């Protein structure tokens, strides 16, 4: 299908309080039923960006995954965002891609934020995952992944139409966030959906949002905001394919293969 309706939810997050965050988000979902195809939530949307997974991480099929399954069915839309997750003996910053039919896929954050010692608390993922929705191919990634263009590169073997980032990206680094989401869209000839949080977390870090939908030319489709908001944008596959046909820069891209990762 040519059109894809994507809803960005930029919100404050209650620190280490999954129930409160689920309740707050569910209130925002009420007006979306039948009006969107994909709802995008921030990184670690149940807890905030926490380095205490021992206290708050959920199991791989815990209460938030069950809640996402119920909400996706009620909305008739995919819901995605990341959760602090325990799987076996390890913890992951795990993005969940929950479909309305109750099936789901996951992506574990590859690049762990060294400056917060995320790598000391979580295990890094080892696999990219391109998912499909209504004929669109989408690459979901998490926060710090944004800084690594090779990992985000639109490749011929697992290409995509939409690049998606969920984040807890702080105010003090908002300029790189604003710049890189545009750069990733331009260099990959794709739409870019980037959803961040607002407010202050339990460690005193401030977040100013700047969530955005960016088109394949690097142009914002949503106005900048430091406030909570819910916004739905319509992506146009015909326009994207037409631009790629007229400006096929991807045909001149360097060929490469990532090594040391699971196939």
Protein backbone atom coordinates (compact mmCIF):
# COMPACT_ATOMS: atom_id res chain seq x y z
CA UNK A 1 0.00 0.00 0.00
CA UNK A 2 1.19 3.52 -0.74
CA UNK A 3 0.29 5.22 2.55
CA UNK A 4 1.45 4.39 6.06
CA UNK A 5 0.06 6.27 9.05
CA UNK A 6 2.61 6.54 11.86
CA UNK A 7 1.90 7.99 15.31
CA UNK A 8 4.69 9.51 17.41
CA UNK A 9 4.07 9.72 21.16
CA UNK A 10 6.44 12.11 22.91
CA UNK A 11 5.83 11.88 26.65
CA UNK A 12 7.30 12.28 30.10
CA UNK A 13 8.08 9.00 31.87
CA UNK A 14 7.53 8.11 35.51
CA UNK A 15 10.82 6.84 36.93
CA UNK A 16 10.84 3.08 37.59
CA UNK A 17 7.03 2.90 37.53
CA UNK A 18 5.86 0.64 34.70
CA UNK A 19 2.22 0.61 35.80
CA UNK A 20 2.00 4.41 35.83
CA UNK A 21 3.63 4.66 32.41
CA UNK A 22 1.38 2.02 30.88
CA UNK A 23 -1.67 3.79 32.30
CA UNK A 24 -0.54 7.18 30.96
CA UNK A 25 0.17 5.80 27.50
CA UNK A 26 -3.09 3.89 27.36
CA UNK A 27 -4.95 7.16 27.91
CA UNK A 28 -3.19 8.58 24.86
CA UNK A 29 -4.11 5.54 22.79
CA UNK A 30 -7.84 6.12 23.26
CA UNK A 31 -8.23 8.44 20.28
CA UNK A 32 -6.04 6.41 17.91
CA UNK A 33 -8.13 3.28 17.27
CA UNK A 34 -8.61 2.79 13.54
CA UNK A 35 -6.64 5.94 12.72
CA UNK A 36 -3.05 4.72 12.61
CA UNK A 37 -0.96 1.77 11.44
CA UNK A 38 2.02 2.16 13.78
CA UNK A 39 2.43 3.73 17.23
CA UNK A 40 6.00 4.59 18.29
CA UNK A 41 6.94 4.98 21.97
CA UNK A 42 10.26 6.12 23.49
CA UNK A 43 13.16 3.96 24.64
CA UNK A 44 12.58 2.16 27.96
CA UNK A 45 9.08 3.62 28.04
CA UNK A 46 8.10 1.79 31.24
CA UNK A 47 11.01 2.96 33.41
CA UNK A 48 13.10 5.69 31.86
CA UNK A 49 16.71 5.03 30.86
CA UNK A 50 17.76 3.00 33.88
CA UNK A 51 21.00 1.30 34.86
CA UNK A 52 19.18 -0.77 37.50
CA UNK A 53 17.68 -3.63 35.47
CA UNK A 54 18.00 -5.93 38.47
CA UNK A 55 15.23 -3.90 40.09
CA UNK A 56 12.86 -3.17 37.21
CA UNK A 57 13.54 -5.41 34.20
CA UNK A 58 10.64 -7.57 33.06
CA UNK A 59 10.74 -11.07 31.63
CA UNK A 60 10.68 -11.54 27.87
CA UNK A 61 6.92 -12.15 28.03
CA UNK A 62 6.19 -10.03 31.08
CA UNK A 63 3.35 -7.64 31.91
CA UNK A 64 4.37 -4.91 29.46
CA UNK A 65 4.60 -7.30 26.52
CA UNK A 66 1.16 -8.64 27.46
CA UNK A 67 -0.13 -5.07 27.71
CA UNK A 68 1.32 -4.22 24.30
CA UNK A 69 -0.44 -7.27 22.85
CA UNK A 70 -3.79 -6.11 24.26
CA UNK A 71 -3.32 -2.52 23.15
CA UNK A 72 -2.17 -3.42 19.63
CA UNK A 73 -5.27 -5.59 19.20
CA UNK A 74 -7.53 -2.80 20.47
CA UNK A 75 -5.93 -0.21 18.19
CA UNK A 76 -5.62 -2.42 15.14
CA UNK A 77 -2.06 -1.13 14.85
CA UNK A 78 1.53 -2.13 15.55
CA UNK A 79 2.99 -0.72 18.78
CA UNK A 80 6.74 -0.44 19.29
CA UNK A 81 9.16 0.85 21.92
CA UNK A 82 11.94 -0.59 24.08
CA UNK A 83 11.77 -2.19 27.53
CA UNK A 84 14.41 -3.20 30.09
CA UNK A 85 14.14 -6.96 29.68
CA UNK A 86 15.59 -10.00 31.42
CA UNK A 87 16.10 -13.01 29.19
CA UNK A 88 17.78 -15.92 30.91
CA UNK A 89 20.68 -14.61 32.95
CA UNK A 90 21.12 -11.46 30.83
CA UNK A 91 19.46 -8.06 30.62
CA UNK A 92 18.70 -6.33 27.31
CA UNK A 93 17.47 -2.95 26.18
CA UNK A 94 14.91 -4.67 23.98
CA UNK A 95 12.65 -3.12 21.38
CA UNK A 96 9.38 -4.98 20.92
CA UNK A 97 7.46 -4.84 17.64
CA UNK A 98 3.94 -5.93 18.60
CA UNK A 99 1.39 -6.62 15.87
CA UNK A 100 -2.41 -6.49 16.24
CA UNK A 101 -2.65 -10.26 15.78
CA UNK A 102 -0.54 -10.79 18.92
CA UNK A 103 2.64 -11.90 17.19
CA UNK A 104 5.77 -9.91 17.81
CA UNK A 105 9.45 -9.55 17.00
CA UNK A 106 12.28 -8.04 19.00
CA UNK A 107 15.50 -6.11 18.45
CA UNK A 108 18.16 -5.81 21.15
CA UNK A 109 20.02 -2.51 21.19
CA UNK A 110 23.37 -3.05 19.50
CA UNK A 111 25.28 0.05 20.64
CA UNK A 112 25.19 0.42 24.41
CA UNK A 113 25.80 3.91 25.76
CA UNK A 114 29.29 3.76 27.21
CA UNK A 115 29.11 7.15 28.91
CA UNK A 116 26.32 5.85 31.16
CA UNK A 117 28.02 2.43 31.52
CA UNK A 118 25.08 0.76 29.82
CA UNK A 119 27.42 -2.03 28.69
CA UNK A 120 28.03 -2.93 32.34
CA UNK A 121 24.35 -3.66 32.90
CA UNK A 122 22.97 -4.89 29.58
CA UNK A 123 24.08 -7.28 26.88
CA UNK A 124 24.44 -5.88 23.37
CA UNK A 125 22.36 -7.24 20.52
CA UNK A 126 24.00 -8.97 17.58
CA UNK A 127 21.44 -8.74 14.80
CA UNK A 128 19.61 -6.11 12.78
CA UNK A 129 15.96 -6.78 12.09
CA UNK A 130 13.96 -5.37 9.19
CA UNK A 131 10.21 -5.76 9.76
CA UNK A 132 7.35 -5.35 7.30
CA UNK A 133 4.08 -3.48 7.64
CA UNK A 134 1.53 -2.96 4.86
CA UNK A 135 4.18 -3.45 2.18
CA UNK A 136 6.69 -1.14 3.89
CA UNK A 137 10.06 -2.33 5.17
CA UNK A 138 11.12 -0.74 8.45
CA UNK A 139 14.40 -0.88 10.38
CA UNK A 140 13.80 -0.26 14.12
CA UNK A 141 16.81 0.84 16.18
CA UNK A 142 17.42 2.28 19.65
CA UNK A 143 18.86 5.66 20.70
CA UNK A 144 22.70 5.49 20.63
CA UNK A 145 22.48 3.35 17.46
CA UNK A 146 21.81 6.68 15.73
CA UNK A 147 25.48 7.67 16.02
CA UNK A 148 26.68 4.69 13.99
CA UNK A 149 25.86 5.15 10.29
CA UNK A 150 27.22 1.77 9.21
CA UNK A 151 24.70 -0.04 11.44
CA UNK A 152 21.91 2.18 10.10
CA UNK A 153 22.98 1.92 6.45
CA UNK A 154 20.33 0.98 3.92
CA UNK A 155 21.87 -2.12 2.34
CA UNK A 156 20.84 -4.11 -0.68
CA UNK A 157 20.59 -7.39 1.26
CA UNK A 158 18.17 -6.07 3.92
CA UNK A 159 16.95 -2.75 2.62
CA UNK A 160 14.17 -0.64 4.15
CA UNK A 161 11.84 2.30 3.48
CA UNK A 162 11.62 3.68 7.01
CA UNK A 163 14.37 4.07 9.60
CA UNK A 164 12.99 4.20 13.13
CA UNK A 165 14.72 5.27 16.36
CA UNK A 166 13.25 5.15 19.87
CA UNK A 167 15.26 7.15 22.38
CA UNK A 168 15.95 8.75 25.74
CA UNK A 169 18.25 11.42 24.27
CA UNK A 170 19.11 14.21 26.75
CA UNK A 171 18.75 17.93 26.29
CA UNK A 172 22.49 18.61 26.48
CA UNK A 173 23.02 16.65 23.26
CA UNK A 174 19.91 17.77 21.42
CA UNK A 175 21.82 19.34 18.48
CA UNK A 176 23.44 16.01 17.46
CA UNK A 177 20.03 14.35 17.73
CA UNK A 178 18.38 16.95 15.51
CA UNK A 179 21.23 16.79 13.01
CA UNK A 180 21.74 13.04 12.82
CA UNK A 181 18.10 12.05 12.30
CA UNK A 182 18.09 14.27 9.21
CA UNK A 183 21.43 12.91 8.04
CA UNK A 184 20.28 9.30 8.39
CA UNK A 185 17.18 10.04 6.28
CA UNK A 186 19.15 11.83 3.56
CA UNK A 187 21.99 9.34 3.24
CA UNK A 188 19.68 6.32 3.24
CA UNK A 189 16.99 7.74 0.92
CA UNK A 190 14.36 6.82 3.48
CA UNK A 191 11.86 8.25 5.90
CA UNK A 192 13.13 8.55 9.47
CA UNK A 193 10.86 8.35 12.51
CA UNK A 194 12.60 9.40 15.74
CA UNK A 195 10.75 9.39 19.07
CA UNK A 196 12.31 10.81 22.23
CA UNK A 197 10.96 11.56 25.71
CA UNK A 198 10.57 14.82 27.66
CA UNK A 199 10.87 15.69 31.35
CA UNK A 200 13.50 14.79 33.95
CA UNK A 201 14.49 11.26 34.88
CA UNK A 202 15.35 9.84 38.29
CA UNK A 203 19.02 10.72 37.90
CA UNK A 204 18.30 14.39 37.20
CA UNK A 205 18.85 14.26 33.42
CA UNK A 206 16.64 16.63 31.39
CA UNK A 207 15.03 15.68 28.08
CA UNK A 208 13.55 18.10 25.57
CA UNK A 209 12.01 15.70 23.10
CA UNK A 210 12.58 16.97 19.55
CA UNK A 211 10.80 13.87 18.27
CA UNK A 212 10.30 14.10 14.53
CA UNK A 213 9.21 12.47 11.34
CA UNK A 214 11.74 13.27 8.60
CA UNK A 215 11.13 12.64 4.91
CA UNK A 216 13.62 11.19 2.43
CA UNK A 217 14.86 14.72 1.57
CA UNK A 218 15.71 15.41 5.21
CA UNK A 219 12.72 17.72 5.66
CA UNK A 220 10.75 17.62 8.94
CA UNK A 221 7.12 16.53 8.66
CA UNK A 222 6.33 17.51 12.26
CA UNK A 223 7.01 20.82 14.07
CA UNK A 224 9.69 20.78 16.78
CA UNK A 225 8.38 20.56 20.33
CA UNK A 226 9.69 20.32 23.88
CA UNK A 227 6.23 19.39 25.19
CA UNK A 228 4.34 16.12 25.35
CA UNK A 229 2.44 15.45 22.13
CA UNK A 230 0.77 12.80 20.01
CA UNK A 231 1.15 13.33 16.25
CA UNK A 232 0.22 11.14 13.30
CA UNK A 233 1.94 11.54 9.94
CA UNK A 234 1.25 9.84 6.63
CA UNK A 235 4.20 8.40 4.74
CA UNK A 236 3.88 8.12 0.95
CA UNK A 237 5.48 5.06 -0.67
CA UNK A 238 4.74 6.24 -4.20
CA UNK A 239 6.57 9.51 -3.58
CA UNK A 240 9.51 7.69 -1.96
CA UNK A 241 9.84 5.22 -4.82
CA UNK A 242 9.55 8.03 -7.34
CA UNK A 243 12.35 9.99 -5.72
CA UNK A 244 14.59 6.92 -5.55
CA UNK A 245 13.98 6.33 -9.26
CA UNK A 246 14.88 9.92 -10.16
CA UNK A 247 17.85 10.17 -7.76
CA UNK A 248 19.22 6.61 -7.40
CA UNK A 249 22.22 7.44 -5.24
CA UNK A 250 21.85 4.06 -3.55
CA UNK A 251 23.09 2.41 -6.74
CA UNK A 252 26.49 4.03 -6.17
CA UNK A 253 26.77 3.01 -2.52
CA UNK A 254 29.85 1.11 -1.35
CA UNK A 255 29.31 -2.60 -0.94
CA UNK A 256 30.24 -4.04 2.45
CA UNK A 257 29.39 -6.78 4.90
CA UNK A 258 29.23 -6.58 8.67
CA UNK A 259 31.39 -9.23 10.31
CA UNK A 260 31.31 -10.82 13.74
CA UNK A 261 27.51 -10.75 14.00
CA UNK A 262 24.87 -13.42 13.91
CA UNK A 263 23.39 -13.99 10.42
